[in-house]
Amino acid sequence: MENNFERALADLGVTPFDADDFCSFSLQRDDQSSIVVNLFRDTNADLLRMSAYTSNIVPQSLSREFFVRFATAAMEPFRDNIGVGMTEESERLCVYYNVAMKDYKPGNSVIVLEALLRQVEKWDEILPFAAG
């Protein structure tokens, strides 16, 4: 019997999770850059953790305006919205959202992925002007 995690992957049309509960893929843009998308099956919390990374890297120094915008967006998960952050091993911004699997509705993973991609596009437009 198919579970909600499998339904979410099927909706996205991507390969199954690996042995570590990860699924990763890249989406090619028209300008030949790509967006890396990671999915993590968190069975303990019953969440599909979705994240996508910007193509542009974060500058070494940031303008105050950019930092305030970034910090404000980082607080969005407290309002059940998409968050933004950075992982230690990456120079790129990561946008993320956790999809509850308990009440998963068909197509919800696609809706969230589209929202993540819109956020990645937004941040990629801002990053070239983020240096302080």
Protein backbone atom coordinates (compact mmCIF):
# COMPACT_ATOMS: atom_id res chain seq x y z
CA MET A 1 0.00 0.00 0.00
CA GLU A 2 1.33 3.42 -0.95
CA ASN A 3 1.98 5.82 1.95
CA ASN A 4 1.81 9.61 1.91
CA PHE A 5 5.57 9.98 1.47
CA GLU A 6 5.40 7.84 -1.67
CA ARG A 7 2.38 9.82 -2.90
CA ALA A 8 4.29 13.08 -2.43
CA LEU A 9 7.23 11.75 -4.48
CA ALA A 10 4.90 10.39 -7.13
CA ASP A 11 3.22 13.82 -7.37
CA LEU A 12 6.67 15.34 -7.95
CA GLY A 13 7.66 12.62 -10.41
CA VAL A 14 11.02 11.98 -8.74
CA THR A 15 12.96 8.88 -7.77
CA PRO A 16 12.38 7.09 -4.45
CA PHE A 17 14.13 7.98 -1.21
CA ASP A 18 17.52 6.42 -0.65
CA ALA A 19 18.45 4.27 2.36
CA ASP A 20 19.04 7.44 4.41
CA ASP A 21 15.56 8.82 3.58
CA PHE A 22 16.89 11.47 1.17
CA CYS A 23 15.94 12.32 -2.37
CA SER A 24 17.82 14.98 -4.30
CA PHE A 25 17.45 16.33 -7.82
CA SER A 26 18.36 19.37 -9.90
CA LEU A 27 16.10 21.54 -12.00
CA GLN A 28 17.67 23.25 -14.99
CA ARG A 29 16.87 26.89 -15.65
CA ASP A 30 16.69 28.60 -19.02
CA ASP A 31 20.02 30.35 -18.32
CA GLN A 32 21.66 26.92 -17.82
CA SER A 33 22.06 27.38 -14.05
CA SER A 34 20.33 24.85 -11.83
CA ILE A 35 18.40 24.69 -8.61
CA VAL A 36 19.18 21.79 -6.28
CA VAL A 37 16.17 20.38 -4.45
CA ASN A 38 16.48 18.10 -1.45
CA LEU A 39 13.74 16.07 0.16
CA PHE A 40 14.03 14.31 3.49
CA ARG A 41 11.53 11.77 4.77
CA ASP A 42 11.25 12.43 8.50
CA THR A 43 9.14 9.51 9.68
CA ASN A 44 9.58 10.42 13.37
CA ALA A 45 7.91 13.81 12.90
CA ASP A 46 5.77 12.61 9.95
CA LEU A 47 7.11 15.48 7.79
CA LEU A 48 8.46 15.76 4.30
CA ARG A 49 11.26 18.29 4.69
CA MET A 50 11.72 20.13 1.39
CA SER A 51 14.53 22.53 0.55
CA ALA A 52 15.96 24.25 -2.52
CA TYR A 53 19.17 26.23 -2.98
CA THR A 54 19.90 29.44 -4.82
CA SER A 55 22.28 29.37 -7.77
CA ASN A 56 23.97 32.59 -6.65
CA ILE A 57 26.31 32.51 -3.68
CA VAL A 58 26.07 34.79 -0.67
CA PRO A 59 28.68 37.58 -0.75
CA GLN A 60 31.39 37.70 1.94
CA SER A 61 29.97 40.94 3.34
CA LEU A 62 26.30 41.88 3.35
CA SER A 63 24.52 45.19 3.21
CA ARG A 64 22.37 46.01 6.21
CA GLU A 65 19.30 46.15 3.96
CA PHE A 66 19.92 42.61 2.71
CA PHE A 67 20.67 41.29 6.17
CA VAL A 68 17.42 42.72 7.58
CA ARG A 69 15.47 41.19 4.69
CA PHE A 70 17.22 37.84 5.20
CA ALA A 71 16.71 37.86 8.97
CA THR A 72 13.04 38.73 8.59
CA ALA A 73 12.54 35.86 6.11
CA ALA A 74 14.37 33.50 8.46
CA MET A 75 11.58 34.03 11.00
CA GLU A 76 8.79 33.02 8.59
CA PRO A 77 8.56 29.37 9.74
CA PHE A 78 7.14 30.72 13.02
CA ARG A 79 4.19 31.87 10.90
CA ASP A 80 4.04 28.51 9.08
CA ASN A 81 5.59 30.03 5.95
CA ILE A 82 8.68 29.20 3.91
CA GLY A 83 11.95 29.81 5.72
CA VAL A 84 15.33 30.88 4.42
CA GLY A 85 18.73 30.13 5.88
CA MET A 86 22.17 28.77 5.16
CA THR A 87 23.83 25.51 5.95
CA GLU A 88 27.42 25.46 7.13
CA GLU A 89 28.66 23.54 4.11
CA SER A 90 27.06 25.78 1.48
CA GLU A 91 27.66 29.31 0.21
CA ARG A 92 24.13 29.43 -1.14
CA LEU A 93 20.84 30.34 0.49
CA CYS A 94 18.47 27.53 1.28
CA VAL A 95 14.70 27.99 1.24
CA TYR A 96 12.76 25.31 3.06
CA TYR A 97 9.38 24.12 4.21
CA ASN A 98 8.07 21.11 6.12
CA VAL A 99 5.04 19.35 4.65
CA ALA A 100 2.91 17.47 7.18
CA MET A 101 2.23 13.96 5.92
CA LYS A 102 -0.62 13.15 8.29
CA ASP A 103 -3.21 15.02 6.24
CA TYR A 104 -1.36 15.02 2.91
CA LYS A 105 -3.55 16.02 0.00
CA PRO A 106 -2.65 14.94 -3.55
CA GLY A 107 -0.54 17.55 -5.30
CA ASN A 108 0.45 19.38 -2.12
CA SER A 109 4.17 18.59 -2.61
CA VAL A 110 3.99 20.17 -6.08
CA ILE A 111 2.36 23.32 -4.67
CA VAL A 112 5.08 23.61 -2.02
CA LEU A 113 7.87 22.96 -4.53
CA GLU A 114 6.50 25.68 -6.81
CA ALA A 115 6.43 28.10 -3.86
CA LEU A 116 10.01 27.15 -2.93
CA LEU A 117 11.15 27.73 -6.51
CA ARG A 118 9.50 31.17 -6.56
CA GLN A 119 11.40 32.03 -3.39
CA VAL A 120 14.68 30.77 -4.85
CA GLU A 121 14.09 32.96 -7.92
CA LYS A 122 13.40 35.96 -5.68
CA TRP A 123 16.57 35.45 -3.63
CA ASP A 124 18.66 34.79 -6.74
CA GLU A 125 17.52 38.17 -8.11
CA ILE A 126 18.50 39.90 -4.85
CA LEU A 127 21.83 38.19 -4.13
CA PRO A 128 23.91 39.98 -6.82
CA PHE A 129 23.09 43.25 -5.02
CA ALA A 130 23.50 41.97 -1.45
CA ALA A 131 27.13 42.97 -0.86
CA GLY A 132 27.74 45.55 1.79
